[in-house]
Amino acid sequence: MTVLSFDEQGVDVVYQGTDFRLEKELVEEAIGKSYPDVTDHEVLQIVEEEPTLSGEPRRIAEILA
């Protein structure tokens, strides 16, 4: 299971027991959108090859509000 924790500067990720951070600029470059407009599903797709996506995608701006 992958855990994503969002803040204003990036995303803390726990993937297969490994903790790492995706900085805001890296996420924006990888997705091609401004950080607040990126969704949790899009970040999950950066981390996992074939993620199981459930529920509606949420924009980072909504998560941080």
PDB file of N, CA and C in Angstrom:
ATOM      1  N   MET A   1       0.836  -1.177   0.000  1.00  0.00           N
ATOM      2  CA  MET A   1       0.000   0.000   0.000  1.00  0.00           C
ATOM      3  C   MET A   1       0.889   1.251   0.000  1.00  0.00           C
ATOM      4  N   THR A   2       0.552   2.210  -0.814  1.00  0.00           N
ATOM      5  CA  THR A   2       1.285   3.458  -0.894  1.00  0.00           C
ATOM      6  C   THR A   2       0.549   4.530  -0.096  1.00  0.00           C
ATOM      7  N   VAL A   3       1.302   5.278   0.713  1.00  0.00           N
ATOM      8  CA  VAL A   3       0.727   6.356   1.516  1.00  0.00           C
ATOM      9  C   VAL A   3       1.302   7.675   1.018  1.00  0.00           C
ATOM     10  N   LEU A   4       0.411   8.625   0.714  1.00  0.00           N
ATOM     11  CA  LEU A   4       0.806   9.955   0.268  1.00  0.00           C
ATOM     12  C   LEU A   4       0.402  10.980   1.314  1.00  0.00           C
ATOM     13  N   SER A   5       1.327  11.845   1.713  1.00  0.00           N
ATOM     14  CA  SER A   5       1.044  12.923   2.663  1.00  0.00           C
ATOM     15  C   SER A   5       1.453  14.240   2.009  1.00  0.00           C
ATOM     16  N   PHE A   6       0.467  15.074   1.714  1.00  0.00           N
ATOM     17  CA  PHE A   6       0.689  16.311   0.985  1.00  0.00           C
ATOM     18  C   PHE A   6       0.907  17.490   1.919  1.00  0.00           C
ATOM     19  N   ASP A   7       1.794  18.408   1.518  1.00  0.00           N
ATOM     20  CA  ASP A   7       1.912  19.703   2.162  1.00  0.00           C
ATOM     21  C   ASP A   7       2.203  20.735   1.071  1.00  0.00           C
ATOM     22  N   GLU A   8       2.395  21.982   1.456  1.00  0.00           N
ATOM     23  CA  GLU A   8       2.561  23.071   0.489  1.00  0.00           C
ATOM     24  C   GLU A   8       3.813  22.916  -0.374  1.00  0.00           C
ATOM     25  N   GLN A   9       4.802  22.184   0.114  1.00  0.00           N
ATOM     26  CA  GLN A   9       6.097  22.089  -0.570  1.00  0.00           C
ATOM     27  C   GLN A   9       6.332  20.782  -1.318  1.00  0.00           C
ATOM     28  N   GLY A  10       5.432  19.806  -1.159  1.00  0.00           N
ATOM     29  CA  GLY A  10       5.625  18.535  -1.834  1.00  0.00           C
ATOM     30  C   GLY A  10       4.832  17.414  -1.190  1.00  0.00           C
ATOM     31  N   VAL A  11       5.271  16.193  -1.487  1.00  0.00           N
ATOM     32  CA  VAL A  11       4.541  15.007  -1.038  1.00  0.00           C
ATOM     33  C   VAL A  11       5.511  14.039  -0.360  1.00  0.00           C
ATOM     34  N   ASP A  12       5.174  13.629   0.851  1.00  0.00           N
ATOM     35  CA  ASP A  12       5.906  12.549   1.508  1.00  0.00           C
ATOM     36  C   ASP A  12       5.242  11.249   1.080  1.00  0.00           C
ATOM     37  N   VAL A  13       6.068  10.280   0.676  1.00  0.00           N
ATOM     38  CA  VAL A  13       5.555   9.026   0.135  1.00  0.00           C
ATOM     39  C   VAL A  13       6.132   7.861   0.926  1.00  0.00           C
ATOM     40  N   VAL A  14       5.294   6.875   1.213  1.00  0.00           N
ATOM     41  CA  VAL A  14       5.760   5.593   1.725  1.00  0.00           C
ATOM     42  C   VAL A  14       5.326   4.557   0.696  1.00  0.00           C
ATOM     43  N   TYR A  15       6.306   3.951   0.027  1.00  0.00           N
ATOM     44  CA  TYR A  15       6.039   2.982  -1.034  1.00  0.00           C
ATOM     45  C   TYR A  15       6.855   1.732  -0.777  1.00  0.00           C
ATOM     46  N   GLN A  16       6.191   0.621  -0.589  1.00  0.00           N
ATOM     47  CA  GLN A  16       6.826  -0.666  -0.316  1.00  0.00           C
ATOM     48  C   GLN A  16       7.854  -0.560   0.809  1.00  0.00           C
ATOM     49  N   GLY A  17       7.468   0.145   1.878  1.00  0.00           N
ATOM     50  CA  GLY A  17       8.313   0.262   3.053  1.00  0.00           C
ATOM     51  C   GLY A  17       9.410   1.307   2.950  1.00  0.00           C
ATOM     52  N   THR A  18       9.501   2.023   1.831  1.00  0.00           N
ATOM     53  CA  THR A  18      10.516   3.048   1.647  1.00  0.00           C
ATOM     54  C   THR A  18       9.877   4.427   1.725  1.00  0.00           C
ATOM     55  N   ASP A  19      10.457   5.291   2.558  1.00  0.00           N
ATOM     56  CA  ASP A  19       9.968   6.671   2.683  1.00  0.00           C
ATOM     57  C   ASP A  19      10.802   7.567   1.783  1.00  0.00           C
ATOM     58  N   PHE A  20      10.152   8.437   1.035  1.00  0.00           N
ATOM     59  CA  PHE A  20      10.857   9.441   0.251  1.00  0.00           C
ATOM     60  C   PHE A  20       9.953  10.628   0.017  1.00  0.00           C
ATOM     61  N   ARG A  21      10.525  11.678  -0.543  1.00  0.00           N
ATOM     62  CA  ARG A  21       9.783  12.921  -0.751  1.00  0.00           C
ATOM     63  C   ARG A  21       9.829  13.311  -2.218  1.00  0.00           C
ATOM     64  N   LEU A  22       8.686  13.732  -2.734  1.00  0.00           N
ATOM     65  CA  LEU A  22       8.592  14.321  -4.068  1.00  0.00           C
ATOM     66  C   LEU A  22       8.394  15.819  -3.869  1.00  0.00           C
ATOM     67  N   GLU A  23       9.367  16.602  -4.250  1.00  0.00           N
ATOM     68  CA  GLU A  23       9.266  18.051  -4.107  1.00  0.00           C
ATOM     69  C   GLU A  23       8.236  18.617  -5.083  1.00  0.00           C
ATOM     70  N   LYS A  24       7.650  19.726  -4.712  1.00  0.00           N
ATOM     71  CA  LYS A  24       6.621  20.405  -5.495  1.00  0.00           C
ATOM     72  C   LYS A  24       7.061  20.586  -6.955  1.00  0.00           C
ATOM     73  N   GLU A  25       8.274  21.059  -7.177  1.00  0.00           N
ATOM     74  CA  GLU A  25       8.773  21.309  -8.529  1.00  0.00           C
ATOM     75  C   GLU A  25       8.862  20.026  -9.344  1.00  0.00           C
ATOM     76  N   LEU A  26       9.267  18.942  -8.722  1.00  0.00           N
ATOM     77  CA  LEU A  26       9.361  17.650  -9.412  1.00  0.00           C
ATOM     78  C   LEU A  26       7.980  17.164  -9.837  1.00  0.00           C
ATOM     79  N   VAL A  27       7.006  17.306  -8.962  1.00  0.00           N
ATOM     80  CA  VAL A  27       5.633  16.897  -9.273  1.00  0.00           C
ATOM     81  C   VAL A  27       5.099  17.732 -10.441  1.00  0.00           C
ATOM     82  N   GLU A  28       5.315  19.040 -10.387  1.00  0.00           N
ATOM     83  CA  GLU A  28       4.843  19.912 -11.465  1.00  0.00           C
ATOM     84  C   GLU A  28       5.473  19.542 -12.804  1.00  0.00           C
ATOM     85  N   GLU A  29       6.772  19.258 -12.795  1.00  0.00           N
ATOM     86  CA  GLU A  29       7.470  18.892 -14.022  1.00  0.00           C
ATOM     87  C   GLU A  29       6.982  17.551 -14.562  1.00  0.00           C
ATOM     88  N   ALA A  30       6.784  16.602 -13.681  1.00  0.00           N
ATOM     89  CA  ALA A  30       6.359  15.262 -14.103  1.00  0.00           C
ATOM     90  C   ALA A  30       4.939  15.256 -14.648  1.00  0.00           C
ATOM     91  N   ILE A  31       4.044  16.055 -14.082  1.00  0.00           N
ATOM     92  CA  ILE A  31       2.632  16.055 -14.470  1.00  0.00           C
ATOM     93  C   ILE A  31       2.344  17.115 -15.527  1.00  0.00           C
ATOM     94  N   GLY A  32       3.093  18.206 -15.505  1.00  0.00           N
ATOM     95  CA  GLY A  32       2.857  19.275 -16.467  1.00  0.00           C
ATOM     96  C   GLY A  32       1.732  20.218 -16.066  1.00  0.00           C
ATOM     97  N   LYS A  33       1.492  20.319 -14.760  1.00  0.00           N
ATOM     98  CA  LYS A  33       0.472  21.216 -14.213  1.00  0.00           C
ATOM     99  C   LYS A  33       1.055  21.925 -13.005  1.00  0.00           C
ATOM    100  N   SER A  34       0.406  23.019 -12.609  1.00  0.00           N
ATOM    101  CA  SER A  34       0.817  23.657 -11.364  1.00  0.00           C
ATOM    102  C   SER A  34       0.431  22.739 -10.198  1.00  0.00           C
ATOM    103  N   TYR A  35       1.241  22.775  -9.160  1.00  0.00           N
ATOM    104  CA  TYR A  35       1.082  21.861  -8.023  1.00  0.00           C
ATOM    105  C   TYR A  35      -0.340  21.800  -7.459  1.00  0.00           C
ATOM    106  N   PRO A  36      -1.013  22.938  -7.224  1.00  0.00           N
ATOM    107  CA  PRO A  36      -2.374  22.856  -6.649  1.00  0.00           C
ATOM    108  C   PRO A  36      -3.382  22.136  -7.551  1.00  0.00           C
ATOM    109  N   ASP A  37      -3.125  22.095  -8.858  1.00  0.00           N
ATOM    110  CA  ASP A  37      -4.059  21.468  -9.792  1.00  0.00           C
ATOM    111  C   ASP A  37      -3.804  19.986 -10.028  1.00  0.00           C
ATOM    112  N   VAL A  38      -2.687  19.472  -9.540  1.00  0.00           N
ATOM    113  CA  VAL A  38      -2.363  18.049  -9.657  1.00  0.00           C
ATOM    114  C   VAL A  38      -3.292  17.262  -8.737  1.00  0.00           C
ATOM    115  N   THR A  39      -3.700  16.061  -9.152  1.00  0.00           N
ATOM    116  CA  THR A  39      -4.562  15.236  -8.301  1.00  0.00           C
ATOM    117  C   THR A  39      -3.757  14.164  -7.573  1.00  0.00           C
ATOM    118  N   ASP A  40      -4.360  13.642  -6.508  1.00  0.00           N
ATOM    119  CA  ASP A  40      -3.734  12.549  -5.776  1.00  0.00           C
ATOM    120  C   ASP A  40      -3.531  11.335  -6.677  1.00  0.00           C
ATOM    121  N   HIS A  41      -4.465  11.098  -7.598  1.00  0.00           N
ATOM    122  CA  HIS A  41      -4.339   9.965  -8.520  1.00  0.00           C
ATOM    123  C   HIS A  41      -3.130  10.139  -9.439  1.00  0.00           C
ATOM    124  N   GLU A  42      -2.891  11.364  -9.893  1.00  0.00           N
ATOM    125  CA  GLU A  42      -1.742  11.611 -10.763  1.00  0.00           C
ATOM    126  C   GLU A  42      -0.428  11.374 -10.025  1.00  0.00           C
ATOM    127  N   VAL A  43      -0.349  11.790  -8.765  1.00  0.00           N
ATOM    128  CA  VAL A  43       0.857  11.546  -7.974  1.00  0.00           C
ATOM    129  C   VAL A  43       1.042  10.050  -7.769  1.00  0.00           C
ATOM    130  N   LEU A  44      -0.022   9.343  -7.481  1.00  0.00           N
ATOM    131  CA  LEU A  44       0.070   7.902  -7.296  1.00  0.00           C
ATOM    132  C   LEU A  44       0.588   7.218  -8.563  1.00  0.00           C
ATOM    133  N   GLN A  45       0.209   7.718  -9.724  1.00  0.00           N
ATOM    134  CA  GLN A  45       0.670   7.143 -10.988  1.00  0.00           C
ATOM    135  C   GLN A  45       2.160   7.416 -11.223  1.00  0.00           C
ATOM    136  N   ILE A  46       2.714   8.458 -10.618  1.00  0.00           N
ATOM    137  CA  ILE A  46       4.160   8.688 -10.683  1.00  0.00           C
ATOM    138  C   ILE A  46       4.885   7.610  -9.877  1.00  0.00           C
ATOM    139  N   VAL A  47       4.321   7.269  -8.729  1.00  0.00           N
ATOM    140  CA  VAL A  47       4.982   6.373  -7.781  1.00  0.00           C
ATOM    141  C   VAL A  47       4.855   4.905  -8.192  1.00  0.00           C
ATOM    142  N   GLU A  48       3.663   4.476  -8.566  1.00  0.00           N
ATOM    143  CA  GLU A  48       3.400   3.071  -8.882  1.00  0.00           C
ATOM    144  C   GLU A  48       3.214   2.876 -10.381  1.00  0.00           C
ATOM    145  N   GLU A  49       3.657   1.720 -10.890  1.00  0.00           N
ATOM    146  CA  GLU A  49       3.481   1.418 -12.306  1.00  0.00           C
ATOM    147  C   GLU A  49       2.012   1.208 -12.660  1.00  0.00           C
ATOM    148  N   GLU A  50       1.310   0.426 -11.861  1.00  0.00           N
ATOM    149  CA  GLU A  50      -0.098   0.134 -12.113  1.00  0.00           C
ATOM    150  C   GLU A  50      -0.888   0.308 -10.818  1.00  0.00           C
ATOM    151  N   PRO A  51      -1.127   1.550 -10.422  1.00  0.00           N
ATOM    152  CA  PRO A  51      -1.819   1.766  -9.146  1.00  0.00           C
ATOM    153  C   PRO A  51      -3.292   1.386  -9.216  1.00  0.00           C
ATOM    154  N   THR A  52      -3.820   0.998  -8.069  1.00  0.00           N
ATOM    155  CA  THR A  52      -5.244   0.775  -7.938  1.00  0.00           C
ATOM    156  C   THR A  52      -5.859   2.102  -7.531  1.00  0.00           C
ATOM    157  N   LEU A  53      -6.596   2.702  -8.457  1.00  0.00           N
ATOM    158  CA  LEU A  53      -7.200   4.007  -8.192  1.00  0.00           C
ATOM    159  C   LEU A  53      -8.649   3.813  -7.773  1.00  0.00           C
ATOM    160  N   SER A  54      -8.994   4.337  -6.611  1.00  0.00           N
ATOM    161  CA  SER A  54     -10.369   4.213  -6.143  1.00  0.00           C
ATOM    162  C   SER A  54     -10.871   5.585  -5.721  1.00  0.00           C
ATOM    163  N   GLY A  55     -12.153   5.775  -5.834  1.00  0.00           N
ATOM    164  CA  GLY A  55     -12.744   7.056  -5.470  1.00  0.00           C
ATOM    165  C   GLY A  55     -12.455   8.110  -6.511  1.00  0.00           C
ATOM    166  N   GLU A  56     -12.962   9.297  -6.242  1.00  0.00           N
ATOM    167  CA  GLU A  56     -12.759  10.422  -7.153  1.00  0.00           C
ATOM    168  C   GLU A  56     -11.377  11.039  -6.913  1.00  0.00           C
ATOM    169  N   PRO A  57     -10.687  11.434  -7.980  1.00  0.00           N
ATOM    170  CA  PRO A  57      -9.412  12.119  -7.772  1.00  0.00           C
ATOM    171  C   PRO A  57      -9.631  13.457  -7.079  1.00  0.00           C
ATOM    172  N   ARG A  58      -8.700  13.824  -6.202  1.00  0.00           N
ATOM    173  CA  ARG A  58      -8.802  15.097  -5.470  1.00  0.00           C
ATOM    174  C   ARG A  58      -7.594  15.957  -5.803  1.00  0.00           C
ATOM    175  N   ARG A  59      -7.848  17.227  -6.124  1.00  0.00           N
ATOM    176  CA  ARG A  59      -6.761  18.160  -6.374  1.00  0.00           C
ATOM    177  C   ARG A  59      -6.016  18.447  -5.080  1.00  0.00           C
ATOM    178  N   ILE A  60      -4.719  18.695  -5.198  1.00  0.00           N
ATOM    179  CA  ILE A  60      -3.913  18.999  -4.026  1.00  0.00           C
ATOM    180  C   ILE A  60      -4.465  20.233  -3.311  1.00  0.00           C
ATOM    181  N   ALA A  61      -4.936  21.221  -4.069  1.00  0.00           N
ATOM    182  CA  ALA A  61      -5.528  22.408  -3.457  1.00  0.00           C
ATOM    183  C   ALA A  61      -6.695  22.056  -2.544  1.00  0.00           C
ATOM    184  N   GLU A  62      -7.488  21.072  -2.922  1.00  0.00           N
ATOM    185  CA  GLU A  62      -8.621  20.623  -2.105  1.00  0.00           C
ATOM    186  C   GLU A  62      -8.140  19.881  -0.855  1.00  0.00           C
ATOM    187  N   ILE A  63      -7.099  19.086  -1.023  1.00  0.00           N
ATOM    188  CA  ILE A  63      -6.570  18.319   0.097  1.00  0.00           C
ATOM    189  C   ILE A  63      -5.976  19.239   1.162  1.00  0.00           C
ATOM    190  N   LEU A  64      -5.300  20.298   0.713  1.00  0.00           N
ATOM    191  CA  LEU A  64      -4.635  21.213   1.647  1.00  0.00           C
ATOM    192  C   LEU A  64      -5.584  22.248   2.256  1.00  0.00           C
ATOM    193  N   ALA A  65      -6.772  22.390   1.694  1.00  0.00           N
ATOM    194  CA  ALA A  65      -7.719  23.416   2.177  1.00  0.00           C
ATOM    195  C   ALA A  65      -8.243  23.086   3.561  1.00  0.00           C
TER     196      ALA A  65
END
